[in-house]
Amino acid sequence: MPKRVRTGLTRSDILDRYVERFKQQLIKFQPFLSRKRGTASLEDFDESAEELIAQVFGAASDQSEAYFFAKTGESALLPEEAQESGTHNIERESLQQRRQVLESCLADLELRRRLQATRKKKGIETALVEEYMSHDVRSIHRDATIKQAGQLLQKHKVGSLIIDDGSRYIGIVTDSDLTRKAIAKGLDPNTTSVATCMSRPLVTIEEDELLSEAMSLMKKQSIRHLPVTADATIIGVLSVSDLLRAFEEQKTP
C-alpha cells in the first residue's frame, strides 16, 4: 500500500488550487471559441480537461459525463437551428457545451470555497431562502419532448424546468438531466417525453427556511436546483448560482 504523505496543504489551499486550474483551463479554451487556434489541438485540450475533471470530481461523476457528451456533440440541448443547419453549427454548439461544463465545475468549486470561508459568519447563517431564490419558475408538461424542453431552457436561460401533468407538479428536469440521461440511454430527443428524464419525487423547501437548511438539503439530495414553496405552492427555485450570490453578498468588505 502506498505510504500516505502529508503535504502541509489545508482544504482551503487545495480548493484554491483547483479553482485556479479551472480558471486557467477556461483561458486556454478561449482560442477555440474565437477560432484563433494556437499550437495546442482540441484533442489535447479535451484530454487535459477530462483529466482535471476526473481528478477533482471523479471519473464517474456527472461533470465527467457532461463533458464527454459535450465533446462528442451528442447533446439534447443543441438548438433546433444548429441541428438543422449542418455540421459547422453543431461543432460550434459542442464547443459552447464544453465551456458551460467547465464554468459549472468552476462555480461548484467557488461555492465550496465560499461555504468553507463563511461557515462561521452569522450573516449567512441567518439568511432565508426567500431572500435569494429566483421567482422565475418555468414548467413543461410531462408529455413534451426532450427537444422541446431543451429549447425552453435555452429560450428562458434557466437551468431547470418543473414537470407537470396538467393539474400538479410531479418532478423536475435540469439541463444536465437532459444531456446525461437522454444521451446515455440513446433516447431520441424528438420523440422521447421529458418525463423520461425527470427526477421525482419533487424535493422542495419552504421560503421561510434558513438558507443553510437549503444548502444541507441540496447536498444531501445531490441536487443543484431546489423548488421553493409557500404553503406547499411552488413560488420559486433556488439554484447553486443563487447560493454563490448569497456568499458574495455576505462577504466582509
Protein backbone atom coordinates (compact mmCIF):
# COMPACT_ATOMS: atom_id res chain seq x y z
CA MET A 1 0.00 0.00 0.00
CA PRO A 2 1.41 3.44 -0.91
CA LYS A 3 2.59 5.49 2.01
CA ARG A 4 0.39 8.46 2.81
CA VAL A 5 2.40 11.69 2.72
CA ARG A 6 1.33 14.91 4.40
CA THR A 7 1.66 17.85 2.03
CA GLY A 8 1.03 20.59 4.58
CA LEU A 9 -1.86 21.88 2.42
CA THR A 10 -5.18 22.73 4.05
CA ARG A 11 -8.53 22.01 2.40
CA SER A 12 -8.74 25.70 1.59
CA ASP A 13 -5.36 25.56 -0.17
CA ILE A 14 -6.50 22.61 -2.26
CA LEU A 15 -9.75 24.35 -3.25
CA ASP A 16 -7.78 27.46 -4.19
CA ARG A 17 -5.56 25.38 -6.45
CA TYR A 18 -8.49 23.64 -8.11
CA VAL A 19 -10.27 26.96 -8.70
CA GLU A 20 -7.13 28.40 -10.29
CA ARG A 21 -6.64 25.33 -12.50
CA PHE A 22 -10.18 25.56 -13.86
CA LYS A 23 -9.75 29.28 -14.49
CA GLN A 24 -6.58 28.54 -16.45
CA GLN A 25 -8.37 25.78 -18.35
CA LEU A 26 -11.08 28.23 -19.42
CA ILE A 27 -8.44 30.73 -20.53
CA LYS A 28 -6.77 28.03 -22.64
CA PHE A 29 -10.16 27.27 -24.19
CA GLN A 30 -10.80 30.81 -25.47
CA PRO A 31 -8.81 30.42 -28.72
CA PHE A 32 -11.04 27.53 -29.78
CA LEU A 33 -14.15 29.67 -29.34
CA SER A 34 -12.64 32.65 -31.16
CA ARG A 35 -11.26 30.41 -33.92
CA LYS A 36 -7.78 31.77 -33.29
CA ARG A 37 -6.32 28.35 -32.77
CA GLY A 38 -2.99 28.18 -31.01
CA THR A 39 -0.42 25.41 -31.09
CA ALA A 40 -2.46 23.07 -28.91
CA SER A 41 -5.01 20.81 -30.57
CA LEU A 42 -8.61 20.47 -29.40
CA GLU A 43 -7.95 16.78 -28.77
CA ASP A 44 -5.09 17.63 -26.39
CA PHE A 45 -7.26 20.21 -24.64
CA ASP A 46 -10.09 17.69 -24.20
CA GLU A 47 -7.68 15.17 -22.73
CA SER A 48 -6.33 17.66 -20.17
CA ALA A 49 -9.83 18.94 -19.33
CA GLU A 50 -11.17 15.43 -18.76
CA GLU A 51 -8.16 14.55 -16.60
CA LEU A 52 -8.74 17.65 -14.47
CA ILE A 53 -12.48 17.00 -14.06
CA ALA A 54 -11.82 13.36 -13.17
CA GLN A 55 -9.18 14.35 -10.62
CA VAL A 56 -11.41 16.89 -8.88
CA PHE A 57 -14.89 15.39 -9.22
CA GLY A 58 -14.24 11.75 -10.14
CA ALA A 59 -14.12 9.83 -13.42
CA ALA A 60 -17.72 8.62 -12.96
CA SER A 61 -19.09 12.00 -11.85
CA ASP A 62 -21.90 13.94 -13.52
CA GLN A 63 -19.33 16.54 -14.55
CA SER A 64 -17.19 13.96 -16.35
CA GLU A 65 -20.22 12.54 -18.17
CA ALA A 66 -21.43 16.02 -19.14
CA TYR A 67 -18.04 16.93 -20.64
CA PHE A 68 -17.90 13.64 -22.55
CA PHE A 69 -21.29 14.25 -24.15
CA ALA A 70 -20.40 17.88 -24.87
CA LYS A 71 -17.17 16.74 -26.54
CA THR A 72 -18.94 14.21 -28.74
CA GLY A 73 -21.61 16.74 -29.70
CA GLU A 74 -24.37 14.40 -28.58
CA SER A 75 -26.38 16.95 -26.62
CA ALA A 76 -30.15 17.15 -26.40
CA LEU A 77 -29.71 20.85 -25.68
CA LEU A 78 -28.43 21.79 -29.13
CA PRO A 79 -30.79 24.43 -30.53
CA GLU A 80 -33.04 23.36 -33.40
CA GLU A 81 -31.30 25.69 -35.84
CA ALA A 82 -27.93 24.11 -35.01
CA GLN A 83 -29.28 20.63 -35.56
CA GLU A 84 -30.79 21.57 -38.89
CA SER A 85 -28.07 23.87 -40.29
CA GLY A 86 -25.30 21.30 -40.59
CA THR A 87 -22.01 20.20 -39.08
CA HIS A 88 -20.49 23.65 -38.59
CA ASN A 89 -23.13 24.91 -36.17
CA ILE A 90 -23.20 21.61 -34.30
CA GLU A 91 -19.43 21.81 -33.79
CA ARG A 92 -19.81 25.38 -32.55
CA GLU A 93 -22.52 24.36 -30.08
CA SER A 94 -20.35 21.47 -28.94
CA LEU A 95 -17.63 23.98 -28.05
CA GLN A 96 -20.15 26.08 -26.15
CA GLN A 97 -21.29 22.99 -24.23
CA ARG A 98 -17.68 22.27 -23.25
CA ARG A 99 -17.32 25.81 -21.93
CA GLN A 100 -20.55 25.53 -19.93
CA VAL A 101 -19.40 22.32 -18.26
CA LEU A 102 -16.07 23.89 -17.28
CA GLU A 103 -17.82 27.00 -15.97
CA SER A 104 -20.21 24.81 -13.97
CA CYS A 105 -17.25 22.97 -12.42
CA LEU A 106 -15.65 26.29 -11.52
CA ALA A 107 -18.88 27.59 -9.96
CA ASP A 108 -19.18 24.42 -7.88
CA LEU A 109 -15.64 24.81 -6.54
CA GLU A 110 -16.10 28.51 -5.81
CA LEU A 111 -19.27 27.68 -3.88
CA ARG A 112 -17.38 25.11 -1.80
CA ARG A 113 -14.63 27.62 -1.10
CA ARG A 114 -17.04 30.34 -0.04
CA LEU A 115 -19.02 27.95 2.10
CA GLN A 116 -15.84 26.98 3.92
CA ALA A 117 -14.71 30.59 4.31
CA THR A 118 -18.06 31.90 5.60
CA ARG A 119 -19.24 28.91 7.63
CA LYS A 120 -18.77 30.76 10.90
CA LYS A 121 -20.18 34.09 9.80
CA LYS A 122 -23.54 34.98 11.32
CA GLY A 123 -24.81 36.73 8.19
CA ILE A 124 -25.07 33.66 6.01
CA GLU A 125 -26.33 31.54 8.89
CA THR A 126 -29.38 33.75 9.37
CA ALA A 127 -30.22 34.36 5.69
CA LEU A 128 -33.56 32.99 4.45
CA VAL A 129 -34.30 31.11 1.24
CA GLU A 130 -36.77 33.75 0.05
CA GLU A 131 -34.02 36.38 0.06
CA TYR A 132 -32.01 34.66 -2.66
CA MET A 133 -34.36 32.39 -4.63
CA SER A 134 -35.35 33.10 -8.23
CA HIS A 135 -39.03 33.86 -8.82
CA ASP A 136 -38.76 32.77 -12.45
CA VAL A 137 -40.49 29.37 -12.36
CA ARG A 138 -40.71 27.63 -15.73
CA SER A 139 -42.69 24.45 -16.26
CA ILE A 140 -43.42 21.98 -19.04
CA HIS A 141 -45.94 19.18 -19.47
CA ARG A 142 -44.70 15.65 -18.91
CA ASP A 143 -45.65 14.66 -22.47
CA ALA A 144 -43.46 17.33 -24.08
CA THR A 145 -40.36 16.03 -25.86
CA ILE A 146 -36.77 16.26 -24.64
CA LYS A 147 -36.05 18.55 -27.59
CA GLN A 148 -38.85 20.93 -26.60
CA ALA A 149 -37.54 21.02 -23.03
CA GLY A 150 -34.03 21.84 -24.26
CA GLN A 151 -35.39 24.65 -26.42
CA LEU A 152 -37.35 26.08 -23.48
CA LEU A 153 -34.25 26.05 -21.26
CA GLN A 154 -32.32 27.88 -23.97
CA LYS A 155 -35.12 30.39 -24.59
CA HIS A 156 -35.58 31.43 -20.97
CA LYS A 157 -31.92 30.93 -19.98
CA VAL A 158 -32.79 28.79 -16.96
CA GLY A 159 -31.21 25.61 -15.66
CA SER A 160 -34.34 23.66 -14.73
CA LEU A 161 -37.99 23.08 -15.57
CA ILE A 162 -40.74 21.88 -13.25
CA ILE A 163 -42.70 19.00 -14.77
CA ASP A 164 -46.49 19.00 -14.52
CA ASP A 165 -49.19 16.53 -15.51
CA GLY A 166 -51.79 19.17 -16.27
CA SER A 167 -53.01 19.59 -12.71
CA ARG A 168 -49.98 19.40 -10.40
CA TYR A 169 -46.21 19.43 -10.35
CA ILE A 170 -44.74 15.94 -10.32
CA GLY A 171 -40.99 16.34 -10.88
CA ILE A 172 -38.11 18.44 -12.15
CA VAL A 173 -35.67 18.21 -15.05
CA THR A 174 -32.39 20.10 -15.39
CA ASP A 175 -30.12 20.84 -18.33
CA SER A 176 -27.66 18.21 -17.11
CA ASP A 177 -30.52 15.66 -16.83
CA LEU A 178 -31.34 16.15 -20.50
CA THR A 179 -27.71 15.88 -21.55
CA ARG A 180 -26.76 12.88 -19.41
CA LYS A 181 -29.89 10.78 -19.06
CA ALA A 182 -31.19 11.22 -22.60
CA ILE A 183 -27.92 10.70 -24.43
CA ALA A 184 -26.63 7.99 -22.09
CA LYS A 185 -29.73 5.91 -22.86
CA GLY A 186 -29.62 6.63 -26.57
CA LEU A 187 -33.03 8.31 -26.50
CA ASP A 188 -34.39 10.23 -29.48
CA PRO A 189 -34.93 13.86 -28.32
CA ASN A 190 -37.60 14.35 -31.00
CA THR A 191 -39.91 11.59 -29.76
CA THR A 192 -38.96 10.86 -26.13
CA SER A 193 -41.05 12.59 -23.45
CA VAL A 194 -39.34 14.80 -20.92
CA ALA A 195 -40.87 12.68 -18.14
CA THR A 196 -38.32 10.01 -19.03
CA CYS A 197 -35.50 12.23 -17.73
CA MET A 198 -37.19 13.97 -14.81
CA SER A 199 -36.28 13.49 -11.16
CA ARG A 200 -39.03 12.55 -8.75
CA PRO A 201 -40.42 12.84 -6.17
CA LEU A 202 -40.10 16.60 -6.18
CA VAL A 203 -37.85 17.83 -3.35
CA THR A 204 -38.87 21.29 -2.10
CA ILE A 205 -38.23 23.74 0.73
CA GLU A 206 -40.40 26.47 2.26
CA GLU A 207 -39.44 30.08 1.55
CA ASP A 208 -39.02 30.98 5.24
CA GLU A 209 -36.43 28.25 5.90
CA LEU A 210 -32.81 29.16 6.54
CA LEU A 211 -30.51 29.25 3.54
CA SER A 212 -28.18 26.91 5.43
CA GLU A 213 -31.01 24.35 5.61
CA ALA A 214 -31.47 24.60 1.85
CA MET A 215 -27.75 24.05 1.31
CA SER A 216 -27.78 20.99 3.53
CA LEU A 217 -30.80 19.58 1.70
CA MET A 218 -29.24 20.17 -1.72
CA LYS A 219 -26.03 18.49 -0.62
CA LYS A 220 -27.89 15.52 0.89
CA GLN A 221 -30.03 15.01 -2.23
CA SER A 222 -27.13 15.77 -4.63
CA ILE A 223 -29.20 18.37 -6.49
CA ARG A 224 -28.35 21.81 -7.89
CA HIS A 225 -31.91 23.20 -8.24
CA LEU A 226 -34.39 23.28 -5.36
CA PRO A 227 -38.01 24.40 -5.88
CA VAL A 228 -39.22 26.82 -3.18
CA THR A 229 -42.75 26.72 -1.77
CA ALA A 230 -45.10 28.98 0.18
CA ASP A 231 -47.78 26.94 1.94
CA ALA A 232 -46.94 23.99 -0.35
CA THR A 233 -47.29 26.08 -3.55
CA ILE A 234 -44.16 26.44 -5.69
CA ILE A 235 -43.23 30.11 -5.99
CA GLY A 236 -39.56 29.99 -6.96
CA VAL A 237 -36.37 27.99 -7.43
CA LEU A 238 -33.10 28.13 -5.52
CA SER A 239 -30.02 27.13 -7.52
CA VAL A 240 -26.29 26.82 -6.94
CA SER A 241 -25.79 30.17 -8.67
CA ASP A 242 -28.19 31.78 -6.16
CA LEU A 243 -26.10 30.33 -3.32
CA LEU A 244 -22.96 31.76 -4.89
CA ARG A 245 -24.62 35.18 -4.99
CA ALA A 246 -25.57 34.84 -1.33
CA PHE A 247 -21.97 34.14 -0.32
CA GLU A 248 -20.75 37.01 -2.48
CA GLU A 249 -23.10 39.46 -0.80
CA GLN A 250 -22.20 38.19 2.67
CA LYS A 251 -18.50 38.79 2.19
CA THR A 252 -16.93 41.17 4.67
CA PRO A 253 -15.98 44.42 2.92
